[in-house]
Amino acid sequence: MTSGIGFFEILLILAVMVIFVEPKKIPGLIRKCVRIVSQVRTAIKKFIDELDVK
């Protein structure tokens, strides 16, 4: 089973963003989302590392 976001899912997300968000705000919104995903991934990695140590 593969996981991840495919081409059509990305197009759907972009279409929804264009409908509900002003086009000028989209780059900032994407940056915020990327930062949040990065922080969550880092937190999960630290949590897993702590579980392995103990």
PDB file of N, CA and C in Angstrom:
ATOM      1  N   MET A   1       0.848  -1.177   0.000  1.00  0.00           N
ATOM      2  CA  MET A   1       0.000   0.000   0.000  1.00  0.00           C
ATOM      3  C   MET A   1       0.892   1.238   0.000  1.00  0.00           C
ATOM      4  N   THR A   2       0.617   2.147  -0.897  1.00  0.00           N
ATOM      5  CA  THR A   2       1.398   3.366  -0.948  1.00  0.00           C
ATOM      6  C   THR A   2       0.694   4.472  -0.180  1.00  0.00           C
ATOM      7  N   SER A   3       1.482   5.357   0.376  1.00  0.00           N
ATOM      8  CA  SER A   3       0.910   6.489   1.087  1.00  0.00           C
ATOM      9  C   SER A   3       1.469   7.764   0.499  1.00  0.00           C
ATOM     10  N   GLY A   4       0.783   8.838   0.709  1.00  0.00           N
ATOM     11  CA  GLY A   4       1.225  10.113   0.196  1.00  0.00           C
ATOM     12  C   GLY A   4       0.110  10.800  -0.569  1.00  0.00           C
ATOM     13  N   ILE A   5       0.431  11.951  -1.055  1.00  0.00           N
ATOM     14  CA  ILE A   5      -0.535  12.748  -1.792  1.00  0.00           C
ATOM     15  C   ILE A   5      -0.197  12.665  -3.265  1.00  0.00           C
ATOM     16  N   GLY A   6      -1.201  12.364  -4.053  1.00  0.00           N
ATOM     17  CA  GLY A   6      -1.011  12.258  -5.488  1.00  0.00           C
ATOM     18  C   GLY A   6      -1.269  13.579  -6.192  1.00  0.00           C
ATOM     19  N   PHE A   7      -1.100  13.554  -7.498  1.00  0.00           N
ATOM     20  CA  PHE A   7      -1.249  14.750  -8.323  1.00  0.00           C
ATOM     21  C   PHE A   7      -2.657  15.337  -8.218  1.00  0.00           C
ATOM     22  N   PHE A   8      -3.679  14.493  -8.302  1.00  0.00           N
ATOM     23  CA  PHE A   8      -5.047  14.989  -8.271  1.00  0.00           C
ATOM     24  C   PHE A   8      -5.433  15.540  -6.902  1.00  0.00           C
ATOM     25  N   GLU A   9      -4.892  14.972  -5.840  1.00  0.00           N
ATOM     26  CA  GLU A   9      -5.157  15.507  -4.506  1.00  0.00           C
ATOM     27  C   GLU A   9      -4.565  16.900  -4.361  1.00  0.00           C
ATOM     28  N   ILE A  10      -3.363  17.098  -4.897  1.00  0.00           N
ATOM     29  CA  ILE A  10      -2.739  18.419  -4.851  1.00  0.00           C
ATOM     30  C   ILE A  10      -3.563  19.422  -5.645  1.00  0.00           C
ATOM     31  N   LEU A  11      -4.045  19.027  -6.812  1.00  0.00           N
ATOM     32  CA  LEU A  11      -4.893  19.918  -7.606  1.00  0.00           C
ATOM     33  C   LEU A  11      -6.174  20.275  -6.857  1.00  0.00           C
ATOM     34  N   LEU A  12      -6.766  19.319  -6.188  1.00  0.00           N
ATOM     35  CA  LEU A  12      -7.979  19.577  -5.421  1.00  0.00           C
ATOM     36  C   LEU A  12      -7.714  20.565  -4.290  1.00  0.00           C
ATOM     37  N   ILE A  13      -6.621  20.373  -3.576  1.00  0.00           N
ATOM     38  CA  ILE A  13      -6.263  21.285  -2.494  1.00  0.00           C
ATOM     39  C   ILE A  13      -6.043  22.691  -3.032  1.00  0.00           C
ATOM     40  N   LEU A  14      -5.326  22.814  -4.138  1.00  0.00           N
ATOM     41  CA  LEU A  14      -5.091  24.130  -4.731  1.00  0.00           C
ATOM     42  C   LEU A  14      -6.386  24.783  -5.182  1.00  0.00           C
ATOM     43  N   ALA A  15      -7.298  24.004  -5.767  1.00  0.00           N
ATOM     44  CA  ALA A  15      -8.583  24.552  -6.204  1.00  0.00           C
ATOM     45  C   ALA A  15      -9.382  25.087  -5.014  1.00  0.00           C
ATOM     46  N   VAL A  16      -9.400  24.344  -3.932  1.00  0.00           N
ATOM     47  CA  VAL A  16     -10.113  24.784  -2.735  1.00  0.00           C
ATOM     48  C   VAL A  16      -9.474  26.054  -2.171  1.00  0.00           C
ATOM     49  N   MET A  17      -8.152  26.098  -2.179  1.00  0.00           N
ATOM     50  CA  MET A  17      -7.457  27.287  -1.681  1.00  0.00           C
ATOM     51  C   MET A  17      -7.805  28.515  -2.515  1.00  0.00           C
ATOM     52  N   VAL A  18      -7.839  28.378  -3.814  1.00  0.00           N
ATOM     53  CA  VAL A  18      -8.144  29.510  -4.682  1.00  0.00           C
ATOM     54  C   VAL A  18      -9.573  29.991  -4.443  1.00  0.00           C
ATOM     55  N   ILE A  19     -10.475  29.071  -4.161  1.00  0.00           N
ATOM     56  CA  ILE A  19     -11.869  29.437  -3.935  1.00  0.00           C
ATOM     57  C   ILE A  19     -12.041  30.160  -2.599  1.00  0.00           C
ATOM     58  N   PHE A  20     -11.401  29.670  -1.541  1.00  0.00           N
ATOM     59  CA  PHE A  20     -11.664  30.179  -0.203  1.00  0.00           C
ATOM     60  C   PHE A  20     -10.635  31.187   0.320  1.00  0.00           C
ATOM     61  N   VAL A  21      -9.488  31.313  -0.317  1.00  0.00           N
ATOM     62  CA  VAL A  21      -8.429  32.195   0.180  1.00  0.00           C
ATOM     63  C   VAL A  21      -8.070  33.190  -0.923  1.00  0.00           C
ATOM     64  N   GLU A  22      -7.766  34.405  -0.497  1.00  0.00           N
ATOM     65  CA  GLU A  22      -7.331  35.403  -1.468  1.00  0.00           C
ATOM     66  C   GLU A  22      -6.011  34.951  -2.099  1.00  0.00           C
ATOM     67  N   PRO A  23      -5.863  35.130  -3.408  1.00  0.00           N
ATOM     68  CA  PRO A  23      -4.630  34.676  -4.071  1.00  0.00           C
ATOM     69  C   PRO A  23      -3.344  35.278  -3.486  1.00  0.00           C
ATOM     70  N   LYS A  24      -3.406  36.492  -2.977  1.00  0.00           N
ATOM     71  CA  LYS A  24      -2.206  37.123  -2.403  1.00  0.00           C
ATOM     72  C   LYS A  24      -1.763  36.450  -1.109  1.00  0.00           C
ATOM     73  N   LYS A  25      -2.687  35.797  -0.422  1.00  0.00           N
ATOM     74  CA  LYS A  25      -2.365  35.173   0.863  1.00  0.00           C
ATOM     75  C   LYS A  25      -1.921  33.721   0.740  1.00  0.00           C
ATOM     76  N   ILE A  26      -2.046  33.132  -0.425  1.00  0.00           N
ATOM     77  CA  ILE A  26      -1.734  31.707  -0.612  1.00  0.00           C
ATOM     78  C   ILE A  26      -0.268  31.381  -0.318  1.00  0.00           C
ATOM     79  N   PRO A  27       0.727  32.156  -0.824  1.00  0.00           N
ATOM     80  CA  PRO A  27       2.124  31.796  -0.506  1.00  0.00           C
ATOM     81  C   PRO A  27       2.428  31.788   0.992  1.00  0.00           C
ATOM     82  N   GLY A  28       1.905  32.769   1.717  1.00  0.00           N
ATOM     83  CA  GLY A  28       2.119  32.804   3.165  1.00  0.00           C
ATOM     84  C   GLY A  28       1.460  31.633   3.866  1.00  0.00           C
ATOM     85  N   LEU A  29       0.275  31.272   3.396  1.00  0.00           N
ATOM     86  CA  LEU A  29      -0.439  30.140   3.977  1.00  0.00           C
ATOM     87  C   LEU A  29       0.314  28.835   3.732  1.00  0.00           C
ATOM     88  N   ILE A  30       0.860  28.683   2.542  1.00  0.00           N
ATOM     89  CA  ILE A  30       1.641  27.478   2.228  1.00  0.00           C
ATOM     90  C   ILE A  30       2.882  27.411   3.118  1.00  0.00           C
ATOM     91  N   ARG A  31       3.558  28.552   3.300  1.00  0.00           N
ATOM     92  CA  ARG A  31       4.745  28.569   4.180  1.00  0.00           C
ATOM     93  C   ARG A  31       4.388  28.156   5.606  1.00  0.00           C
ATOM     94  N   LYS A  32       3.274  28.671   6.110  1.00  0.00           N
ATOM     95  CA  LYS A  32       2.853  28.315   7.466  1.00  0.00           C
ATOM     96  C   LYS A  32       2.556  26.826   7.577  1.00  0.00           C
ATOM     97  N   CYS A  33       1.885  26.280   6.573  1.00  0.00           N
ATOM     98  CA  CYS A  33       1.560  24.850   6.588  1.00  0.00           C
ATOM     99  C   CYS A  33       2.828  23.997   6.565  1.00  0.00           C
ATOM    100  N   VAL A  34       3.795  24.398   5.750  1.00  0.00           N
ATOM    101  CA  VAL A  34       5.054  23.650   5.676  1.00  0.00           C
ATOM    102  C   VAL A  34       5.778  23.707   7.009  1.00  0.00           C
ATOM    103  N   ARG A  35       5.793  24.875   7.657  1.00  0.00           N
ATOM    104  CA  ARG A  35       6.433  24.991   8.978  1.00  0.00           C
ATOM    105  C   ARG A  35       5.749  24.097  10.003  1.00  0.00           C
ATOM    106  N   ILE A  36       4.429  24.092   9.992  1.00  0.00           N
ATOM    107  CA  ILE A  36       3.687  23.265  10.955  1.00  0.00           C
ATOM    108  C   ILE A  36       3.975  21.786  10.734  1.00  0.00           C
ATOM    109  N   VAL A  37       3.960  21.344   9.490  1.00  0.00           N
ATOM    110  CA  VAL A  37       4.246  19.939   9.183  1.00  0.00           C
ATOM    111  C   VAL A  37       5.663  19.586   9.630  1.00  0.00           C
ATOM    112  N   SER A  38       6.607  20.488   9.385  1.00  0.00           N
ATOM    113  CA  SER A  38       7.990  20.253   9.789  1.00  0.00           C
ATOM    114  C   SER A  38       8.106  20.136  11.311  1.00  0.00           C
ATOM    115  N   GLN A  39       7.430  21.014  12.033  1.00  0.00           N
ATOM    116  CA  GLN A  39       7.481  20.968  13.494  1.00  0.00           C
ATOM    117  C   GLN A  39       6.840  19.690  14.034  1.00  0.00           C
ATOM    118  N   VAL A  40       5.743  19.273  13.428  1.00  0.00           N
ATOM    119  CA  VAL A  40       5.081  18.040  13.876  1.00  0.00           C
ATOM    120  C   VAL A  40       5.986  16.841  13.622  1.00  0.00           C
ATOM    121  N   ARG A  41       6.614  16.801  12.440  1.00  0.00           N
ATOM    122  CA  ARG A  41       7.510  15.675  12.129  1.00  0.00           C
ATOM    123  C   ARG A  41       8.680  15.636  13.108  1.00  0.00           C
ATOM    124  N   THR A  42       9.239  16.803  13.440  1.00  0.00           N
ATOM    125  CA  THR A  42      10.349  16.868  14.391  1.00  0.00           C
ATOM    126  C   THR A  42       9.904  16.393  15.769  1.00  0.00           C
ATOM    127  N   ALA A  43       8.718  16.834  16.209  1.00  0.00           N
ATOM    128  CA  ALA A  43       8.203  16.421  17.516  1.00  0.00           C
ATOM    129  C   ALA A  43       7.970  14.916  17.566  1.00  0.00           C
ATOM    130  N   ILE A  44       7.429  14.354  16.503  1.00  0.00           N
ATOM    131  CA  ILE A  44       7.191  12.906  16.457  1.00  0.00           C
ATOM    132  C   ILE A  44       8.507  12.149  16.498  1.00  0.00           C
ATOM    133  N   LYS A  45       9.501  12.636  15.751  1.00  0.00           N
ATOM    134  CA  LYS A  45      10.810  11.979  15.743  1.00  0.00           C
ATOM    135  C   LYS A  45      11.441  12.005  17.135  1.00  0.00           C
ATOM    136  N   LYS A  46      11.361  13.149  17.829  1.00  0.00           N
ATOM    137  CA  LYS A  46      11.901  13.235  19.185  1.00  0.00           C
ATOM    138  C   LYS A  46      11.162  12.297  20.129  1.00  0.00           C
ATOM    139  N   PHE A  47       9.849  12.226  19.992  1.00  0.00           N
ATOM    140  CA  PHE A  47       9.061  11.342  20.835  1.00  0.00           C
ATOM    141  C   PHE A  47       9.444   9.882  20.635  1.00  0.00           C
ATOM    142  N   ILE A  48       9.600   9.485  19.392  1.00  0.00           N
ATOM    143  CA  ILE A  48       9.989   8.106  19.077  1.00  0.00           C
ATOM    144  C   ILE A  48      11.387   7.811  19.614  1.00  0.00           C
ATOM    145  N   ASP A  49      12.299   8.779  19.460  1.00  0.00           N
ATOM    146  CA  ASP A  49      13.656   8.591  19.980  1.00  0.00           C
ATOM    147  C   ASP A  49      13.648   8.423  21.492  1.00  0.00           C
ATOM    148  N   GLU A  50      12.797   9.174  22.191  1.00  0.00           N
ATOM    149  CA  GLU A  50      12.709   9.049  23.648  1.00  0.00           C
ATOM    150  C   GLU A  50      12.158   7.684  24.034  1.00  0.00           C
ATOM    151  N   LEU A  51      11.223   7.163  23.288  1.00  0.00           N
ATOM    152  CA  LEU A  51      10.677   5.842  23.591  1.00  0.00           C
ATOM    153  C   LEU A  51      11.707   4.746  23.399  1.00  0.00           C
ATOM    154  N   ASP A  52      12.569   4.902  22.385  1.00  0.00           N
ATOM    155  CA  ASP A  52      13.586   3.895  22.109  1.00  0.00           C
ATOM    156  C   ASP A  52      14.669   3.879  23.175  1.00  0.00           C
ATOM    157  N   VAL A  53      14.966   5.033  23.755  1.00  0.00           N
ATOM    158  CA  VAL A  53      16.054   5.131  24.746  1.00  0.00           C
ATOM    159  C   VAL A  53      15.649   4.470  26.048  1.00  0.00           C
ATOM    160  N   LYS A  54      14.429   4.664  26.481  1.00  0.00           N
ATOM    161  CA  LYS A  54      14.003   4.158  27.794  1.00  0.00           C
ATOM    162  C   LYS A  54      13.658   2.734  27.766  1.00  0.00           C
TER     163      LYS A  54
END
